[in-house]
């Protein structure tokens, strides 16, 4: 039993605070910490022109327990297959991010996914923050936005072109990879909202060439 408990604990995120006895907590990551530096660098890899205002680690024990248990079950079914977990970005657009990470039963919920997605009704996660920022970042003020950095179980991923009829990954696969820019999963238990990143983005201005004829 002790070995099983330690094996399960090893599947938790790197910076998870086990000493926190609360079932749900939001932990602001100190700006001077290595954790902040690592998350910030990952975020800014594709979005250099931003200022990160706050990084919050989400510790929802109920959701994480479901997520880790799912991974254990997958390991039992496919002992020789790589787990294949990745940190991926998710923009909630007009929905408040806390509707996802404060949930007590389901985090990312496919019920709220759009049917009109290019890869069907699924949960979409981006490799780069810039993809989630463009049109998907949740705006909390005129100059601030929020984005979730999620721990996503991809398992065996199927490379595919756009297919609006997808309702699940093909048989034998756990996720769909779309042109290496984002992934789609079709199971609520296959992801966990690990960090909430709040940032300020400097707008890029585009100037049109003036029409000199109007001055004549």
N, C-alpha and C. Protein backbone atom coordinates (compact mmCIF):
# COMPACT_ATOMS: atom_id res chain seq x y z
N UNK A 1 0.84 -1.21 0.00
CA UNK A 1 0.00 0.00 0.00
C UNK A 1 0.87 1.25 0.00
N UNK A 2 1.95 1.22 0.76
CA UNK A 2 2.85 2.36 0.82
C UNK A 2 3.53 2.60 -0.53
N UNK A 3 3.90 1.50 -1.20
CA UNK A 3 4.51 1.62 -2.53
C UNK A 3 3.53 2.22 -3.53
N UNK A 4 2.27 1.82 -3.46
CA UNK A 4 1.24 2.35 -4.35
C UNK A 4 1.04 3.84 -4.11
N UNK A 5 1.04 4.23 -2.83
CA UNK A 5 0.86 5.63 -2.48
C UNK A 5 2.01 6.48 -3.01
N UNK A 6 3.23 5.96 -2.90
CA UNK A 6 4.41 6.70 -3.40
C UNK A 6 4.41 6.78 -4.92
N UNK A 7 3.96 5.71 -5.56
CA UNK A 7 3.88 5.71 -7.03
C UNK A 7 2.88 6.74 -7.51
N UNK A 8 1.75 6.83 -6.82
CA UNK A 8 0.73 7.82 -7.18
C UNK A 8 1.23 9.24 -6.95
N UNK A 9 1.93 9.42 -5.83
CA UNK A 9 2.46 10.74 -5.49
C UNK A 9 3.47 11.21 -6.54
N UNK A 10 4.21 10.29 -7.11
CA UNK A 10 5.21 10.65 -8.12
C UNK A 10 4.58 11.20 -9.40
N UNK A 11 3.29 10.97 -9.58
CA UNK A 11 2.59 11.44 -10.77
C UNK A 11 2.06 12.87 -10.61
N UNK A 12 2.14 13.39 -9.38
CA UNK A 12 1.67 14.76 -9.14
C UNK A 12 2.65 15.77 -9.76
N UNK A 13 2.18 16.99 -10.03
CA UNK A 13 3.06 18.01 -10.61
C UNK A 13 4.28 18.30 -9.75
N UNK A 14 5.30 18.79 -10.40
CA UNK A 14 6.61 19.02 -9.77
C UNK A 14 6.53 19.88 -8.51
N UNK A 15 5.74 20.95 -8.54
CA UNK A 15 5.73 21.90 -7.43
C UNK A 15 4.49 21.76 -6.54
N UNK A 16 3.81 20.66 -6.62
CA UNK A 16 2.61 20.47 -5.79
C UNK A 16 2.99 20.46 -4.31
N UNK A 17 2.25 21.20 -3.49
CA UNK A 17 2.53 21.29 -2.06
C UNK A 17 1.64 20.31 -1.31
N UNK A 18 2.20 19.16 -0.97
CA UNK A 18 1.43 18.12 -0.30
C UNK A 18 1.09 18.50 1.14
N UNK A 19 1.88 19.40 1.74
CA UNK A 19 1.62 19.79 3.12
C UNK A 19 0.39 20.67 3.26
N UNK A 20 -0.13 21.19 2.14
CA UNK A 20 -1.35 21.99 2.16
C UNK A 20 -2.54 21.04 2.32
N UNK A 21 -3.18 21.11 3.47
CA UNK A 21 -4.26 20.16 3.78
C UNK A 21 -5.60 20.55 3.17
N UNK A 22 -5.69 21.73 2.61
CA UNK A 22 -6.97 22.18 2.05
C UNK A 22 -7.32 21.38 0.79
N UNK A 23 -8.61 21.16 0.60
CA UNK A 23 -9.05 20.43 -0.59
C UNK A 23 -8.93 21.29 -1.85
N UNK A 24 -8.97 22.62 -1.66
CA UNK A 24 -8.79 23.54 -2.80
C UNK A 24 -8.01 24.75 -2.33
N UNK A 25 -7.02 25.14 -3.09
CA UNK A 25 -6.27 26.35 -2.77
C UNK A 25 -5.67 26.96 -4.02
N UNK A 26 -5.51 28.28 -3.98
CA UNK A 26 -4.84 29.02 -5.05
C UNK A 26 -3.56 29.58 -4.46
N UNK A 27 -2.44 29.15 -4.98
CA UNK A 27 -1.15 29.55 -4.43
C UNK A 27 -0.43 30.47 -5.40
N UNK A 28 -0.25 31.71 -5.00
CA UNK A 28 0.46 32.68 -5.84
C UNK A 28 1.93 32.32 -5.85
N UNK A 29 2.48 32.11 -7.01
CA UNK A 29 3.88 31.70 -7.14
C UNK A 29 4.78 32.93 -6.97
N UNK A 30 5.72 32.90 -6.03
CA UNK A 30 6.61 34.05 -5.81
C UNK A 30 7.43 34.38 -7.06
N UNK A 31 7.54 35.66 -7.36
CA UNK A 31 8.26 36.07 -8.57
C UNK A 31 9.74 35.74 -8.50
N UNK A 32 10.27 35.56 -7.30
CA UNK A 32 11.69 35.26 -7.13
C UNK A 32 11.98 33.76 -7.17
N UNK A 33 10.95 32.94 -7.34
CA UNK A 33 11.13 31.48 -7.28
C UNK A 33 11.54 30.89 -8.63
N UNK A 34 12.13 29.72 -8.57
CA UNK A 34 12.49 28.99 -9.78
C UNK A 34 11.23 28.58 -10.54
N UNK A 35 10.18 28.26 -9.79
CA UNK A 35 8.90 27.88 -10.41
C UNK A 35 8.37 29.01 -11.29
N UNK A 36 8.39 30.24 -10.77
CA UNK A 36 7.92 31.40 -11.54
C UNK A 36 8.78 31.58 -12.79
N UNK A 37 10.07 31.45 -12.62
CA UNK A 37 11.01 31.60 -13.73
C UNK A 37 10.74 30.58 -14.84
N UNK A 38 10.48 29.33 -14.44
CA UNK A 38 10.25 28.27 -15.43
C UNK A 38 8.94 28.47 -16.18
N UNK A 39 7.87 28.78 -15.45
CA UNK A 39 6.57 28.99 -16.09
C UNK A 39 6.62 30.22 -16.98
N UNK A 40 7.25 31.27 -16.49
CA UNK A 40 7.36 32.52 -17.24
C UNK A 40 8.13 32.31 -18.55
N UNK A 41 9.24 31.59 -18.50
CA UNK A 41 10.04 31.33 -19.70
C UNK A 41 9.25 30.51 -20.72
N UNK A 42 8.50 29.55 -20.24
CA UNK A 42 7.68 28.71 -21.10
C UNK A 42 6.61 29.54 -21.80
N UNK A 43 6.01 30.44 -21.04
CA UNK A 43 4.96 31.32 -21.56
C UNK A 43 5.51 32.31 -22.58
N UNK A 44 6.66 32.91 -22.25
CA UNK A 44 7.23 33.96 -23.09
C UNK A 44 7.99 33.44 -24.31
N UNK A 45 8.10 32.14 -24.43
CA UNK A 45 8.80 31.58 -25.59
C UNK A 45 8.16 32.06 -26.89
N UNK A 46 6.85 32.18 -26.91
CA UNK A 46 6.16 32.62 -28.12
C UNK A 46 5.48 33.97 -27.95
N UNK A 47 5.49 34.51 -26.72
CA UNK A 47 4.89 35.82 -26.45
C UNK A 47 5.90 36.67 -25.69
N UNK A 48 6.89 37.20 -26.41
CA UNK A 48 7.96 37.94 -25.74
C UNK A 48 7.49 39.30 -25.23
N UNK A 49 6.57 39.91 -25.95
CA UNK A 49 6.18 41.29 -25.66
C UNK A 49 5.06 41.35 -24.61
N UNK A 50 5.28 40.68 -23.48
CA UNK A 50 4.28 40.67 -22.42
C UNK A 50 4.95 40.89 -21.07
N UNK A 51 4.15 41.30 -20.12
CA UNK A 51 4.61 41.40 -18.74
C UNK A 51 3.70 40.53 -17.89
N UNK A 52 4.29 39.52 -17.26
CA UNK A 52 3.50 38.63 -16.43
C UNK A 52 3.23 39.31 -15.09
N UNK A 53 1.96 39.45 -14.77
CA UNK A 53 1.56 40.12 -13.53
C UNK A 53 1.45 39.15 -12.36
N UNK A 54 0.98 37.96 -12.65
CA UNK A 54 0.80 36.98 -11.57
C UNK A 54 0.67 35.57 -12.14
N UNK A 55 1.27 34.63 -11.45
CA UNK A 55 1.11 33.21 -11.77
C UNK A 55 0.55 32.52 -10.54
N UNK A 56 -0.57 31.86 -10.71
CA UNK A 56 -1.24 31.19 -9.59
C UNK A 56 -1.29 29.69 -9.85
N UNK A 57 -0.75 28.93 -8.90
CA UNK A 57 -0.84 27.47 -9.01
C UNK A 57 -2.16 27.02 -8.41
N UNK A 58 -2.90 26.22 -9.17
CA UNK A 58 -4.19 25.73 -8.72
C UNK A 58 -4.03 24.35 -8.11
N UNK A 59 -4.42 24.23 -6.85
CA UNK A 59 -4.35 22.93 -6.18
C UNK A 59 -5.77 22.49 -5.80
N UNK A 60 -6.41 21.83 -6.75
CA UNK A 60 -7.74 21.27 -6.55
C UNK A 60 -7.55 19.76 -6.38
N UNK A 61 -7.54 19.30 -5.13
CA UNK A 61 -7.20 17.91 -4.85
C UNK A 61 -8.18 16.93 -5.48
N UNK A 62 -9.45 17.32 -5.54
CA UNK A 62 -10.45 16.43 -6.13
C UNK A 62 -10.15 16.19 -7.61
N UNK A 63 -9.93 17.28 -8.34
CA UNK A 63 -9.66 17.15 -9.78
C UNK A 63 -8.34 16.44 -10.04
N UNK A 64 -7.31 16.77 -9.24
CA UNK A 64 -6.01 16.15 -9.46
C UNK A 64 -6.05 14.66 -9.15
N UNK A 65 -6.80 14.27 -8.14
CA UNK A 65 -6.90 12.85 -7.80
C UNK A 65 -7.53 12.07 -8.95
N UNK A 66 -8.56 12.64 -9.58
CA UNK A 66 -9.19 12.00 -10.73
C UNK A 66 -8.21 11.88 -11.89
N UNK A 67 -7.44 12.95 -12.10
CA UNK A 67 -6.49 12.99 -13.21
C UNK A 67 -5.38 11.95 -13.03
N UNK A 68 -4.80 11.92 -11.84
CA UNK A 68 -3.71 10.98 -11.56
C UNK A 68 -4.20 9.54 -11.57
N UNK A 69 -5.39 9.30 -11.04
CA UNK A 69 -5.95 7.94 -11.05
C UNK A 69 -6.16 7.46 -12.48
N UNK A 70 -6.62 8.36 -13.36
CA UNK A 70 -6.80 8.01 -14.77
C UNK A 70 -5.48 7.59 -15.39
N UNK A 71 -4.40 8.33 -15.08
CA UNK A 71 -3.09 8.00 -15.62
C UNK A 71 -2.62 6.64 -15.13
N UNK A 72 -2.85 6.36 -13.86
CA UNK A 72 -2.49 5.04 -13.31
C UNK A 72 -3.22 3.92 -14.04
N UNK A 73 -4.49 4.11 -14.31
CA UNK A 73 -5.28 3.09 -15.01
C UNK A 73 -4.73 2.88 -16.42
N UNK A 74 -4.33 3.97 -17.06
CA UNK A 74 -3.76 3.87 -18.40
C UNK A 74 -2.45 3.09 -18.36
N UNK A 75 -1.66 3.32 -17.33
CA UNK A 75 -0.39 2.60 -17.19
C UNK A 75 -0.64 1.10 -17.01
N UNK A 76 -1.70 0.76 -16.30
CA UNK A 76 -2.02 -0.65 -16.10
C UNK A 76 -2.45 -1.30 -17.41
N UNK A 77 -3.22 -0.57 -18.21
CA UNK A 77 -3.71 -1.11 -19.47
C UNK A 77 -2.61 -1.18 -20.53
N UNK A 78 -1.69 -0.19 -20.51
CA UNK A 78 -0.63 -0.12 -21.51
C UNK A 78 0.71 0.07 -20.80
N UNK A 79 1.22 -0.95 -20.16
CA UNK A 79 2.44 -0.83 -19.35
C UNK A 79 3.69 -0.44 -20.14
N UNK A 80 3.70 -0.71 -21.42
CA UNK A 80 4.89 -0.43 -22.24
C UNK A 80 4.78 0.88 -23.02
N UNK A 81 3.69 1.59 -22.82
CA UNK A 81 3.49 2.84 -23.57
C UNK A 81 3.85 4.05 -22.72
N UNK A 82 4.49 5.02 -23.34
CA UNK A 82 4.86 6.25 -22.66
C UNK A 82 3.60 6.99 -22.21
N UNK A 83 3.65 7.59 -21.01
CA UNK A 83 2.49 8.33 -20.49
C UNK A 83 2.13 9.49 -21.42
N UNK A 84 3.15 10.23 -21.84
CA UNK A 84 2.98 11.38 -22.74
C UNK A 84 2.06 12.45 -22.16
N UNK A 85 2.56 13.13 -21.15
CA UNK A 85 1.89 14.30 -20.58
C UNK A 85 2.63 15.55 -21.05
N UNK A 86 1.88 16.62 -21.32
CA UNK A 86 2.52 17.87 -21.73
C UNK A 86 1.83 19.05 -21.07
N UNK A 87 2.60 20.11 -20.87
CA UNK A 87 2.03 21.37 -20.41
C UNK A 87 1.60 22.15 -21.65
N UNK A 88 0.32 22.45 -21.74
CA UNK A 88 -0.25 23.12 -22.91
C UNK A 88 -1.14 24.27 -22.47
N UNK A 89 -1.31 25.24 -23.34
CA UNK A 89 -2.06 26.45 -23.01
C UNK A 89 -3.52 26.35 -23.45
N UNK A 90 -4.37 27.03 -22.69
CA UNK A 90 -5.80 27.04 -23.02
C UNK A 90 -6.38 28.41 -22.69
N UNK A 91 -6.96 29.06 -23.69
CA UNK A 91 -7.64 30.33 -23.48
C UNK A 91 -9.13 30.08 -23.38
N UNK A 92 -9.77 30.73 -22.42
CA UNK A 92 -11.20 30.48 -22.19
C UNK A 92 -12.10 31.49 -22.89
N UNK A 93 -11.51 32.42 -23.60
CA UNK A 93 -12.22 33.45 -24.36
C UNK A 93 -13.12 34.28 -23.44
N UNK A 94 -14.43 34.11 -23.46
CA UNK A 94 -15.33 34.94 -22.65
C UNK A 94 -15.73 34.27 -21.33
N UNK A 95 -15.36 33.02 -21.15
CA UNK A 95 -15.71 32.30 -19.92
C UNK A 95 -14.66 32.55 -18.84
N UNK A 96 -15.11 32.78 -17.62
CA UNK A 96 -14.16 33.01 -16.52
C UNK A 96 -13.38 31.72 -16.26
N UNK A 97 -12.05 31.80 -16.19
CA UNK A 97 -11.23 30.61 -15.97
C UNK A 97 -11.57 29.86 -14.69
N UNK A 98 -12.04 30.59 -13.65
CA UNK A 98 -12.32 29.90 -12.39
C UNK A 98 -13.50 28.93 -12.49
N UNK A 99 -14.29 29.06 -13.54
CA UNK A 99 -15.37 28.09 -13.76
C UNK A 99 -14.79 26.71 -14.06
N UNK A 100 -13.55 26.69 -14.52
CA UNK A 100 -12.86 25.43 -14.81
C UNK A 100 -12.13 24.93 -13.58
N UNK A 101 -11.27 25.76 -12.99
CA UNK A 101 -10.39 25.24 -11.94
C UNK A 101 -11.01 25.19 -10.55
N UNK A 102 -12.16 25.84 -10.35
CA UNK A 102 -12.82 25.76 -9.05
C UNK A 102 -13.86 24.65 -8.99
N UNK A 103 -14.07 23.96 -10.09
CA UNK A 103 -15.08 22.92 -10.14
C UNK A 103 -14.75 21.78 -9.17
N UNK A 104 -15.79 21.16 -8.64
CA UNK A 104 -15.58 20.07 -7.69
C UNK A 104 -15.80 18.70 -8.32
N UNK A 105 -16.32 18.68 -9.55
CA UNK A 105 -16.54 17.38 -10.21
C UNK A 105 -15.81 17.26 -11.53
N UNK A 106 -15.85 18.31 -12.34
CA UNK A 106 -15.19 18.28 -13.65
C UNK A 106 -14.47 19.59 -13.88
N UNK A 107 -13.21 19.52 -14.34
CA UNK A 107 -12.46 20.73 -14.65
C UNK A 107 -12.81 21.21 -16.05
N UNK A 108 -11.98 20.86 -17.02
CA UNK A 108 -12.30 21.15 -18.41
C UNK A 108 -13.48 20.25 -18.79
N UNK A 109 -14.56 20.87 -19.22
CA UNK A 109 -15.80 20.13 -19.47
C UNK A 109 -16.17 20.18 -20.95
N UNK A 110 -16.19 19.03 -21.58
CA UNK A 110 -16.46 18.95 -23.02
C UNK A 110 -17.90 19.36 -23.34
N UNK A 111 -18.76 19.40 -22.34
CA UNK A 111 -20.15 19.83 -22.59
C UNK A 111 -20.20 21.27 -23.08
N UNK A 112 -19.21 22.05 -22.67
CA UNK A 112 -19.19 23.48 -23.05
C UNK A 112 -18.36 23.73 -24.30
N UNK A 113 -17.85 22.67 -24.90
CA UNK A 113 -17.03 22.83 -26.11
C UNK A 113 -17.92 23.14 -27.30
N UNK A 114 -17.36 23.89 -28.25
CA UNK A 114 -18.11 24.23 -29.45
C UNK A 114 -18.18 23.06 -30.42
N UNK A 115 -19.34 22.86 -30.99
CA UNK A 115 -19.52 21.79 -31.97
C UNK A 115 -18.85 22.16 -33.29
N UNK A 116 -18.64 23.46 -33.50
CA UNK A 116 -18.15 23.95 -34.78
C UNK A 116 -16.63 23.95 -34.91
N UNK A 117 -15.92 23.38 -33.94
CA UNK A 117 -14.46 23.36 -34.00
C UNK A 117 -13.96 22.56 -35.20
N UNK A 118 -12.79 22.94 -35.70
CA UNK A 118 -12.24 22.26 -36.89
C UNK A 118 -11.94 20.79 -36.64
N UNK A 119 -11.85 20.41 -35.37
CA UNK A 119 -11.59 19.01 -35.04
C UNK A 119 -12.72 18.45 -34.17
N UNK A 120 -13.92 18.95 -34.42
CA UNK A 120 -15.09 18.46 -33.73
C UNK A 120 -15.24 19.02 -32.33
N UNK A 121 -16.17 18.45 -31.59
CA UNK A 121 -16.46 18.90 -30.23
C UNK A 121 -15.46 18.27 -29.27
N UNK A 122 -14.42 19.03 -28.97
CA UNK A 122 -13.37 18.53 -28.10
C UNK A 122 -12.78 19.65 -27.28
N UNK A 123 -11.78 19.33 -26.49
CA UNK A 123 -11.07 20.31 -25.68
C UNK A 123 -9.74 20.62 -26.36
N UNK A 124 -9.51 21.88 -26.70
CA UNK A 124 -8.38 22.30 -27.51
C UNK A 124 -7.28 22.92 -26.62
N UNK A 125 -6.04 22.46 -26.82
CA UNK A 125 -4.90 22.95 -26.05
C UNK A 125 -3.76 23.29 -27.00
N UNK A 126 -3.17 24.46 -26.80
CA UNK A 126 -2.14 24.95 -27.72
C UNK A 126 -0.73 24.68 -27.20
N UNK A 127 0.18 24.44 -28.13
CA UNK A 127 1.59 24.24 -27.79
C UNK A 127 2.22 25.57 -27.36
N UNK A 128 1.82 26.66 -28.01
CA UNK A 128 2.41 27.97 -27.74
C UNK A 128 1.37 28.93 -27.16
N UNK A 129 1.81 29.76 -26.23
CA UNK A 129 0.91 30.73 -25.61
C UNK A 129 0.35 31.72 -26.62
N UNK A 130 1.13 32.04 -27.65
CA UNK A 130 0.68 33.00 -28.66
C UNK A 130 -0.59 32.53 -29.36
N UNK A 131 -0.72 31.22 -29.54
CA UNK A 131 -1.91 30.69 -30.20
C UNK A 131 -3.14 30.92 -29.32
N UNK A 132 -3.02 30.64 -28.02
CA UNK A 132 -4.15 30.82 -27.11
C UNK A 132 -4.45 32.30 -26.86
N UNK A 133 -3.42 33.13 -26.97
CA UNK A 133 -3.61 34.58 -26.76
C UNK A 133 -4.46 35.19 -27.87
N UNK A 134 -4.20 34.80 -29.09
CA UNK A 134 -4.88 35.41 -30.24
C UNK A 134 -6.34 34.97 -30.33
N UNK A 135 -7.20 35.76 -29.72
CA UNK A 135 -8.62 35.48 -29.82
C UNK A 135 -9.20 34.61 -28.73
N UNK A 136 -8.33 34.04 -27.88
CA UNK A 136 -8.82 33.12 -26.86
C UNK A 136 -8.50 33.54 -25.42
N UNK A 137 -7.59 34.48 -25.25
CA UNK A 137 -7.25 34.94 -23.91
C UNK A 137 -8.44 35.60 -23.23
N UNK A 138 -8.63 35.32 -21.95
CA UNK A 138 -9.74 35.90 -21.20
C UNK A 138 -9.32 37.29 -20.70
N UNK A 139 -10.09 38.31 -21.07
CA UNK A 139 -9.73 39.69 -20.73
C UNK A 139 -10.35 40.08 -19.39
N UNK A 140 -9.50 40.44 -18.43
CA UNK A 140 -9.98 40.86 -17.11
C UNK A 140 -10.04 42.38 -16.98
N UNK A 141 -9.35 43.08 -17.87
CA UNK A 141 -9.36 44.54 -17.92
C UNK A 141 -8.88 44.93 -19.31
N UNK A 142 -8.97 46.21 -19.67
CA UNK A 142 -8.54 46.62 -21.01
C UNK A 142 -7.10 46.23 -21.36
N UNK A 143 -6.24 46.14 -20.34
CA UNK A 143 -4.83 45.85 -20.63
C UNK A 143 -4.34 44.53 -20.03
N UNK A 144 -5.25 43.74 -19.45
CA UNK A 144 -4.84 42.48 -18.83
C UNK A 144 -5.67 41.30 -19.31
N UNK A 145 -4.98 40.18 -19.48
CA UNK A 145 -5.66 38.96 -19.88
C UNK A 145 -5.19 37.78 -19.02
N UNK A 146 -5.94 36.70 -19.08
CA UNK A 146 -5.59 35.49 -18.34
C UNK A 146 -5.63 34.29 -19.27
N UNK A 147 -4.82 33.30 -18.91
CA UNK A 147 -4.71 32.07 -19.70
C UNK A 147 -4.37 30.93 -18.74
N UNK A 148 -4.84 29.75 -19.06
CA UNK A 148 -4.55 28.58 -18.24
C UNK A 148 -3.41 27.77 -18.87
N UNK A 149 -2.48 27.35 -18.02
CA UNK A 149 -1.46 26.40 -18.44
C UNK A 149 -1.88 25.06 -17.83
N UNK A 150 -2.19 24.10 -18.68
CA UNK A 150 -2.77 22.84 -18.23
C UNK A 150 -1.80 21.68 -18.35
N UNK A 151 -1.96 20.72 -17.46
CA UNK A 151 -1.26 19.45 -17.53
C UNK A 151 -2.20 18.53 -18.32
N UNK A 152 -1.76 18.10 -19.50
CA UNK A 152 -2.65 17.35 -20.40
C UNK A 152 -2.07 15.97 -20.71
N UNK A 153 -2.90 14.98 -20.54
CA UNK A 153 -2.53 13.61 -20.91
C UNK A 153 -2.87 13.42 -22.40
N UNK A 154 -1.84 13.22 -23.21
CA UNK A 154 -2.04 13.03 -24.65
C UNK A 154 -2.00 11.56 -25.04
N UNK A 155 -1.29 10.76 -24.24
CA UNK A 155 -1.20 9.33 -24.55
C UNK A 155 -0.68 9.11 -25.96
N UNK A 156 -1.37 8.27 -26.68
CA UNK A 156 -1.02 8.02 -28.07
C UNK A 156 -1.81 9.01 -28.93
N UNK A 157 -1.08 9.87 -29.64
CA UNK A 157 -1.72 10.95 -30.38
C UNK A 157 -1.78 10.66 -31.88
N UNK A 158 -2.92 10.98 -32.47
CA UNK A 158 -3.17 10.73 -33.89
C UNK A 158 -3.05 12.04 -34.67
N UNK A 159 -2.15 12.10 -35.65
CA UNK A 159 -2.00 13.30 -36.47
C UNK A 159 -3.12 13.35 -37.50
N UNK A 160 -3.77 14.50 -37.57
CA UNK A 160 -4.93 14.60 -38.45
C UNK A 160 -5.08 15.99 -39.03
N UNK A 161 -5.69 16.06 -40.19
CA UNK A 161 -6.10 17.33 -40.75
C UNK A 161 -7.46 17.67 -40.19
N UNK A 162 -8.00 18.86 -40.50
CA UNK A 162 -9.30 19.26 -39.97
C UNK A 162 -10.39 18.23 -40.25
N UNK A 163 -11.19 17.96 -39.24
CA UNK A 163 -12.29 17.01 -39.38
C UNK A 163 -13.35 17.38 -38.34
N UNK A 164 -14.36 18.12 -38.78
CA UNK A 164 -15.39 18.62 -37.87
C UNK A 164 -16.30 17.52 -37.33
N UNK A 165 -16.20 16.32 -37.88
CA UNK A 165 -17.07 15.23 -37.45
C UNK A 165 -16.51 14.43 -36.28
N UNK A 166 -15.30 14.77 -35.85
CA UNK A 166 -14.69 14.01 -34.76
C UNK A 166 -15.45 14.21 -33.44
N UNK A 167 -15.72 13.13 -32.75
CA UNK A 167 -16.32 13.18 -31.42
C UNK A 167 -15.42 12.48 -30.41
N UNK A 168 -14.39 11.79 -30.92
CA UNK A 168 -13.40 11.14 -30.07
C UNK A 168 -12.17 10.86 -30.92
N UNK A 169 -11.08 10.54 -30.27
CA UNK A 169 -9.88 10.16 -31.00
C UNK A 169 -10.12 8.80 -31.66
N UNK A 170 -9.47 8.52 -32.78
CA UNK A 170 -9.64 7.21 -33.43
C UNK A 170 -9.31 6.07 -32.48
N UNK A 171 -9.87 4.91 -32.74
CA UNK A 171 -9.65 3.74 -31.88
C UNK A 171 -8.15 3.49 -31.69
N UNK A 172 -7.75 3.27 -30.45
CA UNK A 172 -6.36 3.02 -30.13
C UNK A 172 -5.57 4.27 -29.83
N UNK A 173 -6.22 5.45 -29.95
CA UNK A 173 -5.55 6.73 -29.70
C UNK A 173 -6.26 7.48 -28.57
N UNK A 174 -5.51 8.40 -27.96
CA UNK A 174 -6.06 9.16 -26.84
C UNK A 174 -6.30 10.64 -27.18
N UNK A 175 -5.66 11.13 -28.23
CA UNK A 175 -5.77 12.54 -28.58
C UNK A 175 -5.52 12.72 -30.06
N UNK A 176 -5.79 13.93 -30.55
CA UNK A 176 -5.55 14.27 -31.94
C UNK A 176 -4.57 15.43 -32.00
N UNK A 177 -3.54 15.29 -32.82
CA UNK A 177 -2.54 16.35 -33.00
C UNK A 177 -2.83 17.08 -34.29
N UNK A 178 -2.92 18.39 -34.21
CA UNK A 178 -3.26 19.20 -35.36
C UNK A 178 -2.08 20.08 -35.78
N UNK A 179 -1.34 19.64 -36.77
CA UNK A 179 -0.26 20.43 -37.36
C UNK A 179 0.76 20.92 -36.33
N UNK A 180 0.95 20.20 -35.25
CA UNK A 180 1.95 20.51 -34.23
C UNK A 180 1.73 21.86 -33.55
N UNK A 181 0.57 22.48 -33.75
CA UNK A 181 0.31 23.76 -33.09
C UNK A 181 -0.66 23.60 -31.93
N UNK A 182 -1.51 22.58 -31.99
CA UNK A 182 -2.40 22.33 -30.86
C UNK A 182 -2.86 20.87 -30.88
N UNK A 183 -3.41 20.47 -29.74
CA UNK A 183 -3.91 19.10 -29.57
C UNK A 183 -5.37 19.16 -29.13
N UNK A 184 -6.10 18.10 -29.43
CA UNK A 184 -7.50 18.02 -29.04
C UNK A 184 -7.72 16.71 -28.29
N UNK A 185 -8.38 16.81 -27.14
CA UNK A 185 -8.75 15.61 -26.40
C UNK A 185 -10.28 15.58 -26.27
N UNK A 186 -10.82 14.42 -26.03
CA UNK A 186 -12.27 14.25 -26.02
C UNK A 186 -12.75 13.60 -24.73
N UNK A 187 -11.97 13.74 -23.68
CA UNK A 187 -12.30 13.16 -22.39
C UNK A 187 -12.02 14.16 -21.29
N UNK A 188 -13.00 14.42 -20.44
CA UNK A 188 -12.85 15.41 -19.37
C UNK A 188 -11.72 15.10 -18.40
N UNK A 189 -11.44 13.83 -18.19
CA UNK A 189 -10.47 13.43 -17.19
C UNK A 189 -9.02 13.49 -17.67
N UNK A 190 -8.82 13.86 -18.93
CA UNK A 190 -7.48 13.81 -19.52
C UNK A 190 -6.71 15.12 -19.40
N UNK A 191 -7.14 16.03 -18.54
CA UNK A 191 -6.42 17.30 -18.39
C UNK A 191 -6.67 17.87 -16.99
N UNK A 192 -5.75 18.74 -16.58
CA UNK A 192 -5.88 19.39 -15.28
C UNK A 192 -5.41 20.84 -15.40
N UNK A 193 -6.20 21.82 -14.92
CA UNK A 193 -5.82 23.24 -14.99
C UNK A 193 -4.79 23.59 -13.92
N UNK A 194 -3.52 23.57 -14.28
CA UNK A 194 -2.45 23.67 -13.29
C UNK A 194 -2.09 25.10 -12.87
N UNK A 195 -1.99 26.01 -13.83
CA UNK A 195 -1.63 27.40 -13.52
C UNK A 195 -2.60 28.37 -14.20
N UNK A 196 -2.85 29.48 -13.51
CA UNK A 196 -3.54 30.61 -14.11
C UNK A 196 -2.51 31.71 -14.27
N UNK A 197 -2.32 32.15 -15.51
CA UNK A 197 -1.32 33.19 -15.80
C UNK A 197 -2.04 34.48 -16.16
N UNK A 198 -1.75 35.54 -15.43
CA UNK A 198 -2.31 36.86 -15.73
C UNK A 198 -1.20 37.74 -16.28
N UNK A 199 -1.47 38.39 -17.39
CA UNK A 199 -0.40 39.13 -18.06
C UNK A 199 -0.94 40.38 -18.76
N UNK A 200 -0.04 41.30 -19.00
CA UNK A 200 -0.34 42.52 -19.75
C UNK A 200 0.37 42.43 -21.08
N UNK A 201 -0.36 42.67 -22.14
CA UNK A 201 0.21 42.57 -23.48
C UNK A 201 0.24 43.94 -24.13
N UNK A 202 1.41 44.34 -24.61
CA UNK A 202 1.53 45.62 -25.30
C UNK A 202 0.94 45.49 -26.69
N UNK A 203 -0.04 46.33 -27.03
CA UNK A 203 -0.67 46.21 -28.35
C UNK A 203 0.28 46.55 -29.48
N UNK A 204 0.10 45.88 -30.59
CA UNK A 204 0.90 46.15 -31.79
C UNK A 204 0.08 47.03 -32.72
N UNK A 205 0.61 48.18 -33.04
CA UNK A 205 -0.13 49.13 -33.88
C UNK A 205 0.27 48.98 -35.34
N UNK A 206 -0.73 49.06 -36.19
CA UNK A 206 -0.47 49.00 -37.63
C UNK A 206 -0.91 50.31 -38.25
N UNK A 207 0.00 50.99 -38.90
CA UNK A 207 -0.30 52.29 -39.49
C UNK A 207 -0.52 52.15 -40.99
N UNK A 208 -1.59 52.74 -41.46
CA UNK A 208 -1.88 52.72 -42.90
C UNK A 208 -1.17 53.89 -43.57
N UNK A 209 -0.68 53.64 -44.74
CA UNK A 209 -0.02 54.68 -45.50
C UNK A 209 -1.02 55.78 -45.87
N UNK A 210 -0.71 57.04 -45.54
CA UNK A 210 -1.67 58.11 -45.82
C UNK A 210 -1.88 58.32 -47.31
N UNK A 211 -3.07 58.73 -47.66
CA UNK A 211 -3.42 58.99 -49.05
C UNK A 211 -3.06 60.43 -49.37
N UNK A 212 -1.94 60.63 -50.06
CA UNK A 212 -1.45 61.98 -50.34
C UNK A 212 -2.39 62.76 -51.24
N UNK A 213 -3.23 62.08 -52.01
CA UNK A 213 -4.12 62.78 -52.94
C UNK A 213 -5.15 63.63 -52.19
N UNK A 214 -5.43 63.27 -50.95
CA UNK A 214 -6.41 64.02 -50.18
C UNK A 214 -5.88 65.36 -49.76
N UNK A 215 -4.56 65.57 -49.86
CA UNK A 215 -3.96 66.85 -49.46
C UNK A 215 -3.88 67.83 -50.62
N UNK A 216 -4.23 67.34 -51.80
CA UNK A 216 -4.10 68.23 -52.97
C UNK A 216 -5.36 69.05 -53.18
